[in-house]
Amino acid sequence: MKIKIPSKIKLGTSEYEVWFMPFLYRDEGFAGEAYHRLRRIGLDKDLHPQDLPITLVHEVLHVIKRQYSCDIKDEDIDRLAYGLSEFLINCL
């Protein structure tokens, strides 16, 4: 199943643009990154299509953590990203 990656995501009062960035993983060591000051989510443009939804959900969880002052550990964000993306892909 192919997942459409939106160009913008609105959470709370903030709207984040979703950008595909070259060499993000190679240069920064991350498949994705939430740039809160710029209101952008960057995704490595060379990610495998199966990794895109997981990475997007992971970065959205970082935005939610910040927007709603949630006390979530980074390792829990990883777990939640896998579970939520699996649910979204398989059940919706």
N, C-alpha and C. Protein backbone atom coordinates (compact mmCIF):
# COMPACT_ATOMS: atom_id res chain seq x y z
N MET A 1 0.84 -1.18 0.00
CA MET A 1 0.00 0.00 0.00
C MET A 1 0.88 1.24 0.00
N LYS A 2 0.60 2.16 -0.90
CA LYS A 2 1.38 3.38 -0.99
C LYS A 2 0.72 4.46 -0.13
N ILE A 3 1.53 5.15 0.66
CA ILE A 3 1.03 6.19 1.54
C ILE A 3 1.38 7.56 0.94
N LYS A 4 0.39 8.44 0.88
CA LYS A 4 0.64 9.80 0.39
C LYS A 4 1.22 10.63 1.53
N ILE A 5 2.37 11.23 1.27
CA ILE A 5 3.00 12.10 2.26
C ILE A 5 2.50 13.52 1.99
N PRO A 6 1.83 14.15 2.97
CA PRO A 6 1.29 15.49 2.75
C PRO A 6 2.40 16.54 2.67
N SER A 7 2.12 17.64 2.00
CA SER A 7 3.10 18.72 1.91
C SER A 7 3.05 19.63 3.14
N LYS A 8 1.92 19.59 3.87
CA LYS A 8 1.77 20.38 5.10
C LYS A 8 1.00 19.57 6.13
N ILE A 9 1.34 19.81 7.39
CA ILE A 9 0.65 19.15 8.50
C ILE A 9 0.32 20.23 9.52
N LYS A 10 -0.95 20.30 9.92
CA LYS A 10 -1.37 21.28 10.92
C LYS A 10 -1.61 20.56 12.24
N LEU A 11 -0.91 21.02 13.26
CA LEU A 11 -1.07 20.48 14.61
C LEU A 11 -1.23 21.65 15.57
N GLY A 12 -2.33 21.65 16.30
CA GLY A 12 -2.58 22.77 17.18
C GLY A 12 -2.68 24.05 16.37
N THR A 13 -1.93 25.05 16.77
CA THR A 13 -1.95 26.33 16.07
C THR A 13 -0.83 26.45 15.04
N SER A 14 -0.04 25.40 14.88
CA SER A 14 1.11 25.46 13.98
C SER A 14 0.91 24.59 12.74
N GLU A 15 1.41 25.11 11.63
CA GLU A 15 1.40 24.35 10.40
C GLU A 15 2.86 24.09 10.00
N TYR A 16 3.19 22.84 9.82
CA TYR A 16 4.54 22.44 9.44
C TYR A 16 4.55 22.02 7.98
N GLU A 17 5.52 22.54 7.23
CA GLU A 17 5.74 22.09 5.87
C GLU A 17 6.55 20.81 5.90
N VAL A 18 6.26 19.90 5.00
CA VAL A 18 7.02 18.66 4.89
C VAL A 18 7.93 18.80 3.67
N TRP A 19 9.21 18.68 3.90
CA TRP A 19 10.22 18.83 2.85
C TRP A 19 10.97 17.54 2.65
N PHE A 20 11.32 17.25 1.43
CA PHE A 20 12.22 16.14 1.12
C PHE A 20 13.60 16.74 0.90
N MET A 21 14.54 16.29 1.71
CA MET A 21 15.87 16.88 1.72
C MET A 21 16.92 15.88 1.24
N PRO A 22 17.81 16.34 0.36
CA PRO A 22 18.87 15.44 -0.09
C PRO A 22 19.92 15.24 1.00
N PHE A 23 20.40 14.04 1.09
CA PHE A 23 21.55 13.70 1.95
C PHE A 23 21.33 13.94 3.45
N LEU A 24 20.10 14.03 3.90
CA LEU A 24 19.84 14.26 5.32
C LEU A 24 20.43 13.13 6.16
N TYR A 25 20.18 11.91 5.75
CA TYR A 25 20.71 10.78 6.53
C TYR A 25 22.23 10.74 6.46
N ARG A 26 22.77 10.92 5.28
CA ARG A 26 24.22 10.85 5.12
C ARG A 26 24.93 11.98 5.87
N ASP A 27 24.39 13.19 5.81
CA ASP A 27 25.04 14.34 6.43
C ASP A 27 24.76 14.48 7.93
N GLU A 28 23.53 14.19 8.34
CA GLU A 28 23.13 14.43 9.73
C GLU A 28 22.95 13.14 10.55
N GLY A 29 22.81 12.01 9.86
CA GLY A 29 22.60 10.75 10.56
C GLY A 29 21.16 10.48 10.93
N PHE A 30 20.23 11.28 10.39
CA PHE A 30 18.82 11.13 10.67
C PHE A 30 18.05 10.89 9.39
N ALA A 31 17.01 10.06 9.46
CA ALA A 31 16.13 9.86 8.31
C ALA A 31 15.13 11.01 8.20
N GLY A 32 14.89 11.69 9.31
CA GLY A 32 13.97 12.82 9.35
C GLY A 32 14.36 13.75 10.48
N GLU A 33 13.84 14.96 10.41
CA GLU A 33 14.16 15.96 11.44
C GLU A 33 13.02 16.97 11.51
N ALA A 34 12.63 17.32 12.73
CA ALA A 34 11.63 18.37 12.94
C ALA A 34 12.37 19.66 13.26
N TYR A 35 12.17 20.66 12.41
CA TYR A 35 12.77 21.98 12.60
C TYR A 35 11.69 22.89 13.16
N HIS A 36 11.60 22.97 14.48
CA HIS A 36 10.49 23.65 15.13
C HIS A 36 10.48 25.15 14.85
N ARG A 37 11.63 25.79 14.88
CA ARG A 37 11.70 27.24 14.65
C ARG A 37 11.21 27.59 13.25
N LEU A 38 11.55 26.74 12.28
CA LEU A 38 11.16 26.99 10.88
C LEU A 38 9.80 26.40 10.53
N ARG A 39 9.23 25.62 11.45
CA ARG A 39 7.96 24.92 11.20
C ARG A 39 8.06 24.02 9.97
N ARG A 40 9.10 23.20 9.97
CA ARG A 40 9.32 22.26 8.87
C ARG A 40 9.66 20.89 9.41
N ILE A 41 9.23 19.90 8.66
CA ILE A 41 9.65 18.52 8.89
C ILE A 41 10.43 18.11 7.65
N GLY A 42 11.67 17.73 7.86
CA GLY A 42 12.51 17.30 6.75
C GLY A 42 12.59 15.78 6.72
N LEU A 43 12.42 15.21 5.55
CA LEU A 43 12.55 13.77 5.34
C LEU A 43 13.63 13.53 4.29
N ASP A 44 14.48 12.55 4.52
CA ASP A 44 15.51 12.24 3.54
C ASP A 44 14.84 11.81 2.24
N LYS A 45 15.19 12.45 1.14
CA LYS A 45 14.51 12.18 -0.13
C LYS A 45 14.84 10.80 -0.69
N ASP A 46 15.87 10.15 -0.17
CA ASP A 46 16.25 8.84 -0.66
C ASP A 46 15.77 7.69 0.22
N LEU A 47 14.89 7.99 1.17
CA LEU A 47 14.35 6.93 2.02
C LEU A 47 13.57 5.92 1.19
N HIS A 48 13.63 4.68 1.61
CA HIS A 48 12.81 3.65 0.98
C HIS A 48 11.35 3.99 1.24
N PRO A 49 10.47 3.79 0.26
CA PRO A 49 9.04 4.13 0.44
C PRO A 49 8.40 3.51 1.68
N GLN A 50 8.86 2.33 2.10
CA GLN A 50 8.29 1.71 3.31
C GLN A 50 8.73 2.43 4.58
N ASP A 51 9.84 3.17 4.52
CA ASP A 51 10.33 3.89 5.70
C ASP A 51 9.73 5.29 5.84
N LEU A 52 9.15 5.81 4.77
CA LEU A 52 8.61 7.17 4.81
C LEU A 52 7.50 7.35 5.86
N PRO A 53 6.47 6.47 5.89
CA PRO A 53 5.41 6.70 6.89
C PRO A 53 5.92 6.63 8.32
N ILE A 54 6.81 5.70 8.60
CA ILE A 54 7.36 5.56 9.96
C ILE A 54 8.13 6.81 10.33
N THR A 55 8.94 7.29 9.41
CA THR A 55 9.75 8.48 9.68
C THR A 55 8.87 9.71 9.84
N LEU A 56 7.86 9.86 9.00
CA LEU A 56 6.94 11.00 9.14
C LEU A 56 6.21 10.95 10.48
N VAL A 57 5.68 9.81 10.85
CA VAL A 57 4.97 9.69 12.13
C VAL A 57 5.94 9.99 13.28
N HIS A 58 7.16 9.52 13.19
CA HIS A 58 8.17 9.79 14.22
C HIS A 58 8.36 11.30 14.39
N GLU A 59 8.51 12.02 13.29
CA GLU A 59 8.73 13.47 13.37
C GLU A 59 7.47 14.19 13.83
N VAL A 60 6.30 13.73 13.42
CA VAL A 60 5.04 14.31 13.90
C VAL A 60 4.93 14.13 15.42
N LEU A 61 5.35 13.00 15.92
CA LEU A 61 5.33 12.79 17.38
C LEU A 61 6.25 13.77 18.10
N HIS A 62 7.38 14.12 17.49
CA HIS A 62 8.25 15.15 18.08
C HIS A 62 7.54 16.50 18.11
N VAL A 63 6.79 16.80 17.05
CA VAL A 63 6.02 18.05 17.02
C VAL A 63 4.95 18.03 18.10
N ILE A 64 4.22 16.93 18.22
CA ILE A 64 3.19 16.80 19.26
C ILE A 64 3.81 16.94 20.65
N LYS A 65 4.95 16.31 20.84
CA LYS A 65 5.65 16.39 22.14
C LYS A 65 5.92 17.85 22.49
N ARG A 66 6.37 18.61 21.52
CA ARG A 66 6.69 20.02 21.77
C ARG A 66 5.43 20.88 21.89
N GLN A 67 4.48 20.71 20.97
CA GLN A 67 3.27 21.53 20.95
C GLN A 67 2.44 21.38 22.23
N TYR A 68 2.36 20.15 22.73
CA TYR A 68 1.48 19.86 23.85
C TYR A 68 2.24 19.57 25.14
N SER A 69 3.54 19.89 25.15
CA SER A 69 4.39 19.72 26.34
C SER A 69 4.26 18.33 26.95
N CYS A 70 4.35 17.31 26.10
CA CYS A 70 4.26 15.93 26.55
C CYS A 70 5.64 15.46 27.02
N ASP A 71 5.63 14.69 28.06
CA ASP A 71 6.88 14.14 28.59
C ASP A 71 7.06 12.73 28.02
N ILE A 72 7.56 12.66 26.80
CA ILE A 72 7.76 11.38 26.11
C ILE A 72 9.25 11.23 25.83
N LYS A 73 9.81 10.10 26.20
CA LYS A 73 11.22 9.83 25.93
C LYS A 73 11.41 9.53 24.45
N ASP A 74 12.61 9.85 23.94
CA ASP A 74 12.88 9.61 22.52
C ASP A 74 12.73 8.15 22.13
N GLU A 75 13.15 7.23 23.00
CA GLU A 75 13.00 5.82 22.66
C GLU A 75 11.53 5.40 22.62
N ASP A 76 10.68 6.09 23.39
CA ASP A 76 9.24 5.81 23.31
C ASP A 76 8.64 6.38 22.02
N ILE A 77 9.19 7.48 21.54
CA ILE A 77 8.73 8.03 20.26
C ILE A 77 8.99 7.02 19.16
N ASP A 78 10.14 6.37 19.19
CA ASP A 78 10.44 5.32 18.20
C ASP A 78 9.38 4.22 18.24
N ARG A 79 9.07 3.74 19.43
CA ARG A 79 8.09 2.65 19.57
C ARG A 79 6.71 3.10 19.10
N LEU A 80 6.30 4.27 19.52
CA LEU A 80 5.00 4.79 19.12
C LEU A 80 4.92 5.00 17.61
N ALA A 81 5.99 5.48 17.00
CA ALA A 81 6.00 5.70 15.55
C ALA A 81 5.78 4.40 14.79
N TYR A 82 6.44 3.33 15.22
CA TYR A 82 6.24 2.04 14.55
C TYR A 82 4.81 1.55 14.74
N GLY A 83 4.29 1.63 15.96
CA GLY A 83 2.94 1.15 16.22
C GLY A 83 1.88 1.95 15.49
N LEU A 84 1.98 3.28 15.53
CA LEU A 84 0.99 4.13 14.87
C LEU A 84 1.05 4.00 13.35
N SER A 85 2.24 3.95 12.80
CA SER A 85 2.32 3.83 11.34
C SER A 85 1.81 2.47 10.89
N GLU A 86 2.06 1.43 11.67
CA GLU A 86 1.51 0.10 11.34
C GLU A 86 -0.01 0.13 11.35
N PHE A 87 -0.57 0.78 12.37
CA PHE A 87 -2.03 0.91 12.44
C PHE A 87 -2.57 1.69 11.24
N LEU A 88 -1.97 2.83 10.94
CA LEU A 88 -2.45 3.66 9.82
C LEU A 88 -2.37 2.93 8.49
N ILE A 89 -1.29 2.21 8.27
CA ILE A 89 -1.12 1.50 7.01
C ILE A 89 -2.07 0.32 6.89
N ASN A 90 -2.23 -0.45 7.97
CA ASN A 90 -2.99 -1.69 7.91
C ASN A 90 -4.49 -1.54 8.18
N CYS A 91 -4.88 -0.48 8.86
CA CYS A 91 -6.27 -0.40 9.31
C CYS A 91 -7.09 0.73 8.70
N LEU A 92 -6.45 1.68 8.07
CA LEU A 92 -7.23 2.80 7.52
C LEU A 92 -7.28 2.74 6.01
